[in-house]
PDB file of all heavy atoms in Angstrom:
ATOM      1  N   ILE A   1      86.706 114.215 104.420  1.00  0.00           N
ATOM      2  CA  ILE A   1      87.576 115.397 104.351  1.00  0.00           C
ATOM      3  C   ILE A   1      88.979 114.985 103.864  1.00  0.00           C
ATOM      4  O   ILE A   1      89.591 115.676 103.035  1.00  0.00           O
ATOM      5  CB  ILE A   1      87.635 116.101 105.709  1.00  0.00           C
ATOM      6  CG1 ILE A   1      86.281 116.737 106.028  1.00  0.00           C
ATOM      7  CG2 ILE A   1      88.735 117.166 105.719  1.00  0.00           C
ATOM      8  CD1 ILE A   1      86.167 117.297 107.428  1.00  0.00           C
ATOM      9  N   ILE A   2      89.502 113.850 104.375  1.00  0.00           N
ATOM     10  CA  ILE A   2      90.814 113.386 103.924  1.00  0.00           C
ATOM     11  C   ILE A   2      90.776 113.070 102.432  1.00  0.00           C
ATOM     12  O   ILE A   2      91.758 113.308 101.710  1.00  0.00           O
ATOM     13  CB  ILE A   2      91.265 112.145 104.736  1.00  0.00           C
ATOM     14  CG1 ILE A   2      91.518 112.541 106.191  1.00  0.00           C
ATOM     15  CG2 ILE A   2      92.523 111.539 104.130  1.00  0.00           C
ATOM     16  CD1 ILE A   2      91.852 111.361 107.090  1.00  0.00           C
ATOM     17  N   SER A   3      89.637 112.549 101.940  1.00  0.00           N
ATOM     18  CA  SER A   3      89.539 112.244 100.515  1.00  0.00           C
ATOM     19  C   SER A   3      89.693 113.506  99.673  1.00  0.00           C
ATOM     20  O   SER A   3      90.302 113.479  98.602  1.00  0.00           O
ATOM     21  CB  SER A   3      88.198 111.567 100.204  1.00  0.00           C
ATOM     22  OG  SER A   3      87.117 112.472 100.267  1.00  0.00           O
ATOM     23  N   THR A   4      89.164 114.650 100.163  1.00  0.00           N
ATOM     24  CA  THR A   4      89.321 115.907  99.413  1.00  0.00           C
ATOM     25  C   THR A   4      90.769 116.366  99.441  1.00  0.00           C
ATOM     26  O   THR A   4      91.228 117.027  98.507  1.00  0.00           O
ATOM     27  CB  THR A   4      88.404 117.006  99.973  1.00  0.00           C
ATOM     28  OG1 THR A   4      88.794 117.341 101.311  1.00  0.00           O
ATOM     29  CG2 THR A   4      86.952 116.558  99.973  1.00  0.00           C
ATOM     30  N   LEU A   5      91.502 116.032 100.507  1.00  0.00           N
ATOM     31  CA  LEU A   5      92.926 116.353 100.547  1.00  0.00           C
ATOM     32  C   LEU A   5      93.701 115.582  99.482  1.00  0.00           C
ATOM     33  O   LEU A   5      94.623 116.103  98.860  1.00  0.00           O
ATOM     34  CB  LEU A   5      93.494 116.033 101.937  1.00  0.00           C
ATOM     35  CG  LEU A   5      93.275 117.091 103.010  1.00  0.00           C
ATOM     36  CD1 LEU A   5      93.657 116.541 104.381  1.00  0.00           C
ATOM     37  CD2 LEU A   5      94.100 118.339 102.706  1.00  0.00           C
ATOM     38  N   PHE A   6      93.296 114.318  99.264  1.00  0.00           N
ATOM     39  CA  PHE A   6      93.939 113.520  98.212  1.00  0.00           C
ATOM     40  C   PHE A   6      93.744 114.175  96.857  1.00  0.00           C
ATOM     41  O   PHE A   6      94.659 114.195  96.027  1.00  0.00           O
ATOM     42  CB  PHE A   6      93.373 112.101  98.195  1.00  0.00           C
ATOM     43  CG  PHE A   6      94.071 111.165  99.151  1.00  0.00           C
ATOM     44  CD1 PHE A   6      93.370 110.536 100.162  1.00  0.00           C
ATOM     45  CD2 PHE A   6      95.429 110.892  99.022  1.00  0.00           C
ATOM     46  CE1 PHE A   6      94.003 109.671 101.058  1.00  0.00           C
ATOM     47  CE2 PHE A   6      96.063 110.035  99.911  1.00  0.00           C
ATOM     48  CZ  PHE A   6      95.359 109.425 100.928  1.00  0.00           C
ATOM     49  N   TYR A   7      92.529 114.720  96.597  1.00  0.00           N
ATOM     50  CA  TYR A   7      92.302 115.422  95.341  1.00  0.00           C
ATOM     51  C   TYR A   7      93.274 116.585  95.190  1.00  0.00           C
ATOM     52  O   TYR A   7      93.786 116.853  94.087  1.00  0.00           O
ATOM     53  CB  TYR A   7      90.859 115.971  95.292  1.00  0.00           C
ATOM     54  CG  TYR A   7      89.788 114.912  95.163  1.00  0.00           C
ATOM     55  CD1 TYR A   7      88.627 114.981  95.935  1.00  0.00           C
ATOM     56  CD2 TYR A   7      89.917 113.863  94.252  1.00  0.00           C
ATOM     57  CE1 TYR A   7      87.630 114.030  95.805  1.00  0.00           C
ATOM     58  CE2 TYR A   7      88.927 112.905  94.130  1.00  0.00           C
ATOM     59  CZ  TYR A   7      87.787 112.993  94.916  1.00  0.00           C
ATOM     60  OH  TYR A   7      86.803 112.045  94.798  1.00  0.00           O
ATOM     61  N   SER A   8      93.528 117.299  96.286  1.00  0.00           N
ATOM     62  CA  SER A   8      94.438 118.447  96.236  1.00  0.00           C
ATOM     63  C   SER A   8      95.859 117.996  95.960  1.00  0.00           C
ATOM     64  O   SER A   8      96.579 118.618  95.149  1.00  0.00           O
ATOM     65  CB  SER A   8      94.379 119.215  97.566  1.00  0.00           C
ATOM     66  OG  SER A   8      93.056 119.657  97.837  1.00  0.00           O
ATOM     67  N   PHE A   9      96.309 116.926  96.619  1.00  0.00           N
ATOM     68  CA  PHE A   9      97.642 116.397  96.347  1.00  0.00           C
ATOM     69  C   PHE A   9      97.761 115.929  94.910  1.00  0.00           C
ATOM     70  O   PHE A   9      98.801 116.117  94.266  1.00  0.00           O
ATOM     71  CB  PHE A   9      97.965 115.239  97.301  1.00  0.00           C
ATOM     72  CG  PHE A   9      98.192 115.675  98.720  1.00  0.00           C
ATOM     73  CD1 PHE A   9      97.501 115.063  99.761  1.00  0.00           C
ATOM     74  CD2 PHE A   9      99.086 116.671  99.026  1.00  0.00           C
ATOM     75  CE1 PHE A   9      97.698 115.453 101.082  1.00  0.00           C
ATOM     76  CE2 PHE A   9      99.309 117.075 100.336  1.00  0.00           C
ATOM     77  CZ  PHE A   9      98.610 116.452 101.364  1.00  0.00           C
ATOM     78  N   ALA A  10      96.679 115.330  94.378  1.00  0.00           N
ATOM     79  CA  ALA A  10      96.691 114.861  92.995  1.00  0.00           C
ATOM     80  C   ALA A  10      96.850 116.026  92.035  1.00  0.00           C
ATOM     81  O   ALA A  10      97.558 115.935  91.023  1.00  0.00           O
ATOM     82  CB  ALA A  10      95.399 114.105  92.683  1.00  0.00           C
ATOM     83  N   ALA A  11      96.186 117.160  92.335  1.00  0.00           N
ATOM     84  CA  ALA A  11      96.276 118.333  91.471  1.00  0.00           C
ATOM     85  C   ALA A  11      97.704 118.870  91.439  1.00  0.00           C
ATOM     86  O   ALA A  11      98.206 119.267  90.369  1.00  0.00           O
ATOM     87  CB  ALA A  11      95.320 119.411  91.946  1.00  0.00           C
ATOM     88  N   ILE A  12      98.363 118.869  92.597  1.00  0.00           N
ATOM     89  CA  ILE A  12      99.753 119.360  92.651  1.00  0.00           C
ATOM     90  C   ILE A  12     100.679 118.391  91.919  1.00  0.00           C
ATOM     91  O   ILE A  12     101.499 118.806  91.091  1.00  0.00           O
ATOM     92  CB  ILE A  12     100.205 119.543  94.114  1.00  0.00           C
ATOM     93  CG1 ILE A  12      99.332 120.570  94.830  1.00  0.00           C
ATOM     94  CG2 ILE A  12     101.671 119.958  94.155  1.00  0.00           C
ATOM     95  CD1 ILE A  12      99.302 121.927  94.192  1.00  0.00           C
ATOM     96  N   TYR A  13     100.557 117.108  92.212  1.00  0.00           N
ATOM     97  CA  TYR A  13     101.416 116.128  91.536  1.00  0.00           C
ATOM     98  C   TYR A  13     101.129 116.092  90.046  1.00  0.00           C
ATOM     99  O   TYR A  13     102.040 115.910  89.232  1.00  0.00           O
ATOM    100  CB  TYR A  13     101.184 114.735  92.142  1.00  0.00           C
ATOM    101  CG  TYR A  13     102.124 113.695  91.605  1.00  0.00           C
ATOM    102  CD1 TYR A  13     103.386 113.505  92.148  1.00  0.00           C
ATOM    103  CD2 TYR A  13     101.754 112.893  90.514  1.00  0.00           C
ATOM    104  CE1 TYR A  13     104.266 112.549  91.630  1.00  0.00           C
ATOM    105  CE2 TYR A  13     102.627 111.945  89.998  1.00  0.00           C
ATOM    106  CZ  TYR A  13     103.871 111.771  90.564  1.00  0.00           C
ATOM    107  OH  TYR A  13     104.741 110.840  90.034  1.00  0.00           O
ATOM    108  N   GLY A  14      99.859 116.288  89.704  1.00  0.00           N
ATOM    109  CA  GLY A  14      99.459 116.219  88.302  1.00  0.00           C
ATOM    110  C   GLY A  14     100.078 117.304  87.439  1.00  0.00           C
ATOM    111  O   GLY A  14     100.029 117.221  86.193  1.00  0.00           O
ATOM    112  N   ARG A  15     100.665 118.315  88.050  1.00  0.00           N
ATOM    113  CA  ARG A  15     101.338 119.362  87.275  1.00  0.00           C
ATOM    114  C   ARG A  15     102.480 118.771  86.460  1.00  0.00           C
ATOM    115  O   ARG A  15     102.876 119.332  85.424  1.00  0.00           O
ATOM    116  CB  ARG A  15     101.863 120.454  88.217  1.00  0.00           C
ATOM    117  CG  ARG A  15     100.749 121.267  88.862  1.00  0.00           C
ATOM    118  CD  ARG A  15     101.240 122.153  89.963  1.00  0.00           C
ATOM    119  NE  ARG A  15     102.293 123.046  89.522  1.00  0.00           N
ATOM    120  CZ  ARG A  15     102.586 124.204  90.130  1.00  0.00           C
ATOM    121  NH1 ARG A  15     101.875 124.581  91.182  1.00  0.00           N
ATOM    122  NH2 ARG A  15     103.555 124.964  89.709  1.00  0.00           N
ATOM    123  N   ARG A  16     103.008 117.648  86.910  1.00  0.00           N
ATOM    124  CA  ARG A  16     104.083 116.991  86.151  1.00  0.00           C
ATOM    125  C   ARG A  16     103.577 116.509  84.780  1.00  0.00           C
ATOM    126  O   ARG A  16     104.358 116.388  83.841  1.00  0.00           O
ATOM    127  CB  ARG A  16     104.639 115.793  86.923  1.00  0.00           C
ATOM    128  CG  ARG A  16     105.224 116.152  88.283  1.00  0.00           C
ATOM    129  CD  ARG A  16     105.872 114.952  88.928  1.00  0.00           C
ATOM    130  NE  ARG A  16     106.386 115.262  90.257  1.00  0.00           N
ATOM    131  CZ  ARG A  16     107.123 114.422  90.991  1.00  0.00           C
ATOM    132  NH1 ARG A  16     107.436 113.233  90.505  1.00  0.00           N
ATOM    133  NH2 ARG A  16     107.538 114.777  92.198  1.00  0.00           N
ATOM    134  N   LEU A  17     102.269 116.255  84.715  1.00  0.00           N
ATOM    135  CA  LEU A  17     101.717 115.769  83.454  1.00  0.00           C
ATOM    136  C   LEU A  17     101.763 116.841  82.373  1.00  0.00           C
ATOM    137  O   LEU A  17     101.734 116.523  81.175  1.00  0.00           O
ATOM    138  CB  LEU A  17     100.268 115.295  83.672  1.00  0.00           C
ATOM    139  CG  LEU A  17     100.099 114.095  84.595  1.00  0.00           C
ATOM    140  CD1 LEU A  17      98.642 113.874  84.923  1.00  0.00           C
ATOM    141  CD2 LEU A  17     100.697 112.844  83.963  1.00  0.00           C
ATOM    142  N   SER A  18     101.797 118.126  82.789  1.00  0.00           N
ATOM    143  CA  SER A  18     101.860 119.201  81.794  1.00  0.00           C
ATOM    144  C   SER A  18     103.187 119.195  81.048  1.00  0.00           C
ATOM    145  O   SER A  18     103.300 119.816  79.998  1.00  0.00           O
ATOM    146  CB  SER A  18     101.645 120.548  82.491  1.00  0.00           C
ATOM    147  OG  SER A  18     102.689 120.813  83.407  1.00  0.00           O
ATOM    148  N   GLN A  19     104.162 118.487  81.605  1.00  0.00           N
ATOM    149  CA  GLN A  19     105.473 118.411  80.967  1.00  0.00           C
ATOM    150  C   GLN A  19     105.550 117.241  79.985  1.00  0.00           C
ATOM    151  O   GLN A  19     106.587 117.023  79.368  1.00  0.00           O
ATOM    152  CB  GLN A  19     106.556 118.261  82.042  1.00  0.00           C
ATOM    153  CG  GLN A  19     106.575 119.401  83.057  1.00  0.00           C
ATOM    154  CD  GLN A  19     107.493 119.126  84.234  1.00  0.00           C
ATOM    155  OE1 GLN A  19     108.236 118.155  84.248  1.00  0.00           O
ATOM    156  NE2 GLN A  19     107.448 120.000  85.235  1.00  0.00           N
ATOM    157  N   THR A  20     104.473 116.498  79.858  1.00  0.00           N
ATOM    158  CA  THR A  20     104.435 115.379  78.918  1.00  0.00           C
ATOM    159  C   THR A  20     103.601 115.766  77.697  1.00  0.00           C
ATOM    160  O   THR A  20     103.057 116.869  77.615  1.00  0.00           O
ATOM    161  CB  THR A  20     103.788 114.132  79.575  1.00  0.00           C
ATOM    162  OG1 THR A  20     102.379 114.360  79.762  1.00  0.00           O
ATOM    163  CG2 THR A  20     104.428 113.860  80.929  1.00  0.00           C
ATOM    164  N   GLN A  21     103.512 114.855  76.746  1.00  0.00           N
ATOM    165  CA  GLN A  21     102.749 115.084  75.529  1.00  0.00           C
ATOM    166  C   GLN A  21     101.304 114.577  75.643  1.00  0.00           C
ATOM    167  O   GLN A  21     100.548 114.641  74.681  1.00  0.00           O
ATOM    168  CB  GLN A  21     103.432 114.374  74.334  1.00  0.00           C
ATOM    169  CG  GLN A  21     104.838 114.883  74.057  1.00  0.00           C
ATOM    170  CD  GLN A  21     104.859 116.354  73.680  1.00  0.00           C
ATOM    171  OE1 GLN A  21     104.046 116.808  72.881  1.00  0.00           O
ATOM    172  NE2 GLN A  21     105.789 117.110  74.268  1.00  0.00           N
ATOM    173  N   MET A  22     100.923 114.101  76.827  1.00  0.00           N
ATOM    174  CA  MET A  22      99.588 113.531  76.988  1.00  0.00           C
ATOM    175  C   MET A  22      98.525 114.613  77.023  1.00  0.00           C
ATOM    176  O   MET A  22      98.673 115.633  77.698  1.00  0.00           O
ATOM    177  CB  MET A  22      99.522 112.695  78.275  1.00  0.00           C
ATOM    178  CG  MET A  22     100.297 111.397  78.211  1.00  0.00           C
ATOM    179  SD  MET A  22     100.103 110.358  79.685  1.00  0.00           S
ATOM    180  CE  MET A  22     101.159 111.222  80.856  1.00  0.00           C
ATOM    181  N   THR A  23      97.436 114.409  76.297  1.00  0.00           N
ATOM    182  CA  THR A  23      96.306 115.335  76.281  1.00  0.00           C
ATOM    183  C   THR A  23      95.420 115.085  77.499  1.00  0.00           C
ATOM    184  O   THR A  23      95.516 114.038  78.154  1.00  0.00           O
ATOM    185  CB  THR A  23      95.461 115.139  75.014  1.00  0.00           C
ATOM    186  OG1 THR A  23      94.853 113.835  75.059  1.00  0.00           O
ATOM    187  CG2 THR A  23      96.320 115.255  73.772  1.00  0.00           C
ATOM    188  N   PRO A  24      94.524 116.032  77.846  1.00  0.00           N
ATOM    189  CA  PRO A  24      93.623 115.827  78.985  1.00  0.00           C
ATOM    190  C   PRO A  24      92.801 114.551  78.879  1.00  0.00           C
ATOM    191  O   PRO A  24      92.594 113.857  79.878  1.00  0.00           O
ATOM    192  CB  PRO A  24      92.733 117.073  78.944  1.00  0.00           C
ATOM    193  CG  PRO A  24      93.598 118.123  78.357  1.00  0.00           C
ATOM    194  CD  PRO A  24      94.409 117.414  77.314  1.00  0.00           C
ATOM    195  N   MET A  25      92.335 114.206  77.667  1.00  0.00           N
ATOM    196  CA  MET A  25      91.514 113.004  77.518  1.00  0.00           C
ATOM    197  C   MET A  25      92.354 111.752  77.726  1.00  0.00           C
ATOM    198  O   MET A  25      91.888 110.770  78.323  1.00  0.00           O
ATOM    199  CB  MET A  25      90.884 112.975  76.119  1.00  0.00           C
ATOM    200  CG  MET A  25      89.815 111.905  75.959  1.00  0.00           C
ATOM    201  SD  MET A  25      88.420 112.166  77.063  1.00  0.00           S
ATOM    202  CE  MET A  25      87.919 110.476  77.390  1.00  0.00           C
ATOM    203  N   VAL A  26      93.595 111.765  77.274  1.00  0.00           N
ATOM    204  CA  VAL A  26      94.502 110.632  77.509  1.00  0.00           C
ATOM    205  C   VAL A  26      94.776 110.480  78.996  1.00  0.00           C
ATOM    206  O   VAL A  26      94.770 109.366  79.538  1.00  0.00           O
ATOM    207  CB  VAL A  26      95.803 110.812  76.719  1.00  0.00           C
ATOM    208  CG1 VAL A  26      96.849 109.782  77.140  1.00  0.00           C
ATOM    209  CG2 VAL A  26      95.548 110.685  75.214  1.00  0.00           C
ATOM    210  N   VAL A  27      95.019 111.596  79.674  1.00  0.00           N
ATOM    211  CA  VAL A  27      95.271 111.559  81.127  1.00  0.00           C
ATOM    212  C   VAL A  27      94.060 111.002  81.858  1.00  0.00           C
ATOM    213  O   VAL A  27      94.194 110.149  82.743  1.00  0.00           O
ATOM    214  CB  VAL A  27      95.616 112.963  81.649  1.00  0.00           C
ATOM    215  CG1 VAL A  27      95.655 112.958  83.180  1.00  0.00           C
ATOM    216  CG2 VAL A  27      96.952 113.421  81.096  1.00  0.00           C
ATOM    217  N   ALA A  28      92.868 111.472  81.515  1.00  0.00           N
ATOM    218  CA  ALA A  28      91.646 111.008  82.179  1.00  0.00           C
ATOM    219  C   ALA A  28      91.459 109.516  81.996  1.00  0.00           C
ATOM    220  O   ALA A  28      91.153 108.781  82.946  1.00  0.00           O
ATOM    221  CB  ALA A  28      90.440 111.780  81.656  1.00  0.00           C
ATOM    222  N   THR A  29      91.639 109.044  80.761  1.00  0.00           N
ATOM    223  CA  THR A  29      91.467 107.610  80.482  1.00  0.00           C
ATOM    224  C   THR A  29      92.547 106.787  81.166  1.00  0.00           C
ATOM    225  O   THR A  29      92.266 105.756  81.788  1.00  0.00           O
ATOM    226  CB  THR A  29      91.498 107.372  78.961  1.00  0.00           C
ATOM    227  OG1 THR A  29      90.526 108.194  78.324  1.00  0.00           O
ATOM    228  CG2 THR A  29      91.221 105.894  78.655  1.00  0.00           C
ATOM    229  N   GLY A  30      93.796 107.247  81.067  1.00  0.00           N
ATOM    230  CA  GLY A  30      94.907 106.516  81.657  1.00  0.00           C
ATOM    231  C   GLY A  30      94.830 106.442  83.166  1.00  0.00           C
ATOM    232  O   GLY A  30      95.062 105.392  83.764  1.00  0.00           O
ATOM    233  N   GLN A  31      94.499 107.566  83.827  1.00  0.00           N
ATOM    234  CA  GLN A  31      94.434 107.551  85.286  1.00  0.00           C
ATOM    235  C   GLN A  31      93.276 106.670  85.775  1.00  0.00           C
ATOM    236  O   GLN A  31      93.400 105.992  86.792  1.00  0.00           O
ATOM    237  CB  GLN A  31      94.283 108.965  85.841  1.00  0.00           C
ATOM    238  CG  GLN A  31      92.916 109.594  85.627  1.00  0.00           C
ATOM    239  CD  GLN A  31      92.654 110.760  86.567  1.00  0.00           C
ATOM    240  OE1 GLN A  31      93.551 111.248  87.232  1.00  0.00           O
ATOM    241  NE2 GLN A  31      91.400 111.192  86.615  1.00  0.00           N
ATOM    242  N   THR A  32      92.168 106.670  85.044  1.00  0.00           N
ATOM    243  CA  THR A  32      91.032 105.829  85.434  1.00  0.00           C
ATOM    244  C   THR A  32      91.379 104.345  85.293  1.00  0.00           C
ATOM    245  O   THR A  32      91.039 103.528  86.146  1.00  0.00           O
ATOM    246  CB  THR A  32      89.788 106.169  84.594  1.00  0.00           C
ATOM    247  OG1 THR A  32      89.517 107.567  84.686  1.00  0.00           O
ATOM    248  CG2 THR A  32      88.564 105.388  85.077  1.00  0.00           C
ATOM    249  N   ALA A  33      92.085 104.020  84.203  1.00  0.00           N
ATOM    250  CA  ALA A  33      92.499 102.622  83.996  1.00  0.00           C
ATOM    251  C   ALA A  33      93.468 102.175  85.078  1.00  0.00           C
ATOM    252  O   ALA A  33      93.356 101.065  85.629  1.00  0.00           O
ATOM    253  CB  ALA A  33      93.136 102.484  82.611  1.00  0.00           C
ATOM    254  N   MET A  34      94.427 103.024  85.432  1.00  0.00           N
ATOM    255  CA  MET A  34      95.403 102.660  86.452  1.00  0.00           C
ATOM    256  C   MET A  34      94.754 102.601  87.834  1.00  0.00           C
ATOM    257  O   MET A  34      95.139 101.772  88.671  1.00  0.00           O
ATOM    258  CB  MET A  34      96.564 103.647  86.450  1.00  0.00           C
ATOM    259  CG  MET A  34      97.390 103.623  85.168  1.00  0.00           C
ATOM    260  SD  MET A  34      97.965 101.963  84.733  1.00  0.00           S
ATOM    261  CE  MET A  34      99.302 101.769  85.906  1.00  0.00           C
ATOM    262  N   ALA A  35      93.776 103.457  88.085  1.00  0.00           N
ATOM    263  CA  ALA A  35      93.063 103.410  89.355  1.00  0.00           C
ATOM    264  C   ALA A  35      92.276 102.112  89.481  1.00  0.00           C
ATOM    265  O   ALA A  35      92.214 101.501  90.549  1.00  0.00           O
ATOM    266  CB  ALA A  35      92.129 104.606  89.494  1.00  0.00           C
ATOM    267  N   ALA A  36      91.661 101.662  88.371  1.00  0.00           N
ATOM    268  CA  ALA A  36      90.936 100.386  88.381  1.00  0.00           C
ATOM    269  C   ALA A  36      91.895  99.238  88.642  1.00  0.00           C
ATOM    270  O   ALA A  36      91.592  98.306  89.397  1.00  0.00           O
ATOM    271  CB  ALA A  36      90.225 100.192  87.046  1.00  0.00           C
ATOM    272  N   LEU A  37      93.094  99.309  88.028  1.00  0.00           N
ATOM    273  CA  LEU A  37      94.111  98.273  88.245  1.00  0.00           C
ATOM    274  C   LEU A  37      94.579  98.278  89.697  1.00  0.00           C
ATOM    275  O   LEU A  37      94.799  97.231  90.296  1.00  0.00           O
ATOM    276  CB  LEU A  37      95.290  98.520  87.301  1.00  0.00           C
ATOM    277  CG  LEU A  37      96.390  97.459  87.288  1.00  0.00           C
ATOM    278  CD1 LEU A  37      95.847  96.127  86.823  1.00  0.00           C
ATOM    279  CD2 LEU A  37      97.538  97.916  86.378  1.00  0.00           C
ATOM    280  N   PHE A  38      94.704  99.470  90.271  1.00  0.00           N
ATOM    281  CA  PHE A  38      95.081  99.619  91.681  1.00  0.00           C
ATOM    282  C   PHE A  38      94.057  98.964  92.583  1.00  0.00           C
ATOM    283  O   PHE A  38      94.397  98.348  93.610  1.00  0.00           O
ATOM    284  CB  PHE A  38      95.194 101.115  91.985  1.00  0.00           C
ATOM    285  CG  PHE A  38      95.562 101.420  93.419  1.00  0.00           C
ATOM    286  CD1 PHE A  38      96.875 101.665  93.788  1.00  0.00           C
ATOM    287  CD2 PHE A  38      94.585 101.516  94.426  1.00  0.00           C
ATOM    288  CE1 PHE A  38      97.208 101.970  95.102  1.00  0.00           C
ATOM    289  CE2 PHE A  38      94.904 101.811  95.727  1.00  0.00           C
ATOM    290  CZ  PHE A  38      96.220 102.035  96.077  1.00  0.00           C
ATOM    291  N   MET A  39      92.760  99.090  92.218  1.00  0.00           N
ATOM    292  CA  MET A  39      91.687  98.571  93.066  1.00  0.00           C
ATOM    293  C   MET A  39      91.535  97.051  92.984  1.00  0.00           C
ATOM    294  O   MET A  39      90.981  96.442  93.905  1.00  0.00           O
ATOM    295  CB  MET A  39      90.348  99.214  92.672  1.00  0.00           C
ATOM    296  CG  MET A  39      90.198 100.664  93.084  1.00  0.00           C
ATOM    297  SD  MET A  39      90.363 100.918  94.886  1.00  0.00           S
ATOM    298  CE  MET A  39      89.099  99.801  95.508  1.00  0.00           C
ATOM    299  N   LEU A  40      91.995  96.440  91.893  1.00  0.00           N
ATOM    300  CA  LEU A  40      91.758  95.001  91.707  1.00  0.00           C
ATOM    301  C   LEU A  40      92.322  94.164  92.846  1.00  0.00           C
ATOM    302  O   LEU A  40      91.574  93.352  93.448  1.00  0.00           O
ATOM    303  CB  LEU A  40      92.340  94.557  90.353  1.00  0.00           C
ATOM    304  CG  LEU A  40      92.116  93.092  89.976  1.00  0.00           C
ATOM    305  CD1 LEU A  40      90.627  92.769  89.959  1.00  0.00           C
ATOM    306  CD2 LEU A  40      92.762  92.773  88.632  1.00  0.00           C
ATOM    307  N   PRO A  41      93.592  94.268  93.243  1.00  0.00           N
ATOM    308  CA  PRO A  41      94.078  93.461  94.365  1.00  0.00           C
ATOM    309  C   PRO A  41      93.422  93.850  95.684  1.00  0.00           C
ATOM    310  O   PRO A  41      93.270  92.997  96.558  1.00  0.00           O
ATOM    311  CB  PRO A  41      95.581  93.757  94.392  1.00  0.00           C
ATOM    312  CG  PRO A  41      95.751  95.048  93.668  1.00  0.00           C
ATOM    313  CD  PRO A  41      94.681  95.069  92.627  1.00  0.00           C
ATOM    314  N   VAL A  42      93.041  95.119  95.844  1.00  0.00           N
ATOM    315  CA  VAL A  42      92.356  95.554  97.063  1.00  0.00           C
ATOM    316  C   VAL A  42      91.037  94.795  97.218  1.00  0.00           C
ATOM    317  O   VAL A  42      90.722  94.259  98.297  1.00  0.00           O
ATOM    318  CB  VAL A  42      92.097  97.071  97.038  1.00  0.00           C
ATOM    319  CG1 VAL A  42      91.255  97.485  98.267  1.00  0.00           C
ATOM    320  CG2 VAL A  42      93.404  97.836  97.014  1.00  0.00           C
ATOM    321  N   VAL A  43      90.284  94.707  96.130  1.00  0.00           N
ATOM    322  CA  VAL A  43      88.998  94.007  96.160  1.00  0.00           C
ATOM    323  C   VAL A  43      89.204  92.512  96.407  1.00  0.00           C
ATOM    324  O   VAL A  43      88.490  91.900  97.213  1.00  0.00           O
ATOM    325  CB  VAL A  43      88.240  94.243  94.834  1.00  0.00           C
ATOM    326  CG1 VAL A  43      87.047  93.292  94.726  1.00  0.00           C
ATOM    327  CG2 VAL A  43      87.765  95.689  94.744  1.00  0.00           C
ATOM    328  N   LEU A  44      90.158  91.913  95.718  1.00  0.00           N
ATOM    329  CA  LEU A  44      90.387  90.472  95.845  1.00  0.00           C
ATOM    330  C   LEU A  44      90.875  90.101  97.240  1.00  0.00           C
ATOM    331  O   LEU A  44      90.499  89.045  97.789  1.00  0.00           O
ATOM    332  CB  LEU A  44      91.388  89.999  94.798  1.00  0.00           C
ATOM    333  CG  LEU A  44      90.944  90.105  93.334  1.00  0.00           C
ATOM    334  CD1 LEU A  44      92.070  89.681  92.402  1.00  0.00           C
ATOM    335  CD2 LEU A  44      89.691  89.273  93.085  1.00  0.00           C
TER     336      LEU A  44
END
C-alpha cells in the first residue's frame, strides 16, 4: 500500500516535468535509467 502512495507522490512531483522540453518517452527512459542507478549501491 505504501508503494502505491509513492506512485501518487511521483505523479504530483512529476507535474514539474511538464514545464520542461522533455517528451513522455524521454521521461520514461530517463527515469528508468536513474532508478537503475539509484538501485546499484542498494544492491551492492
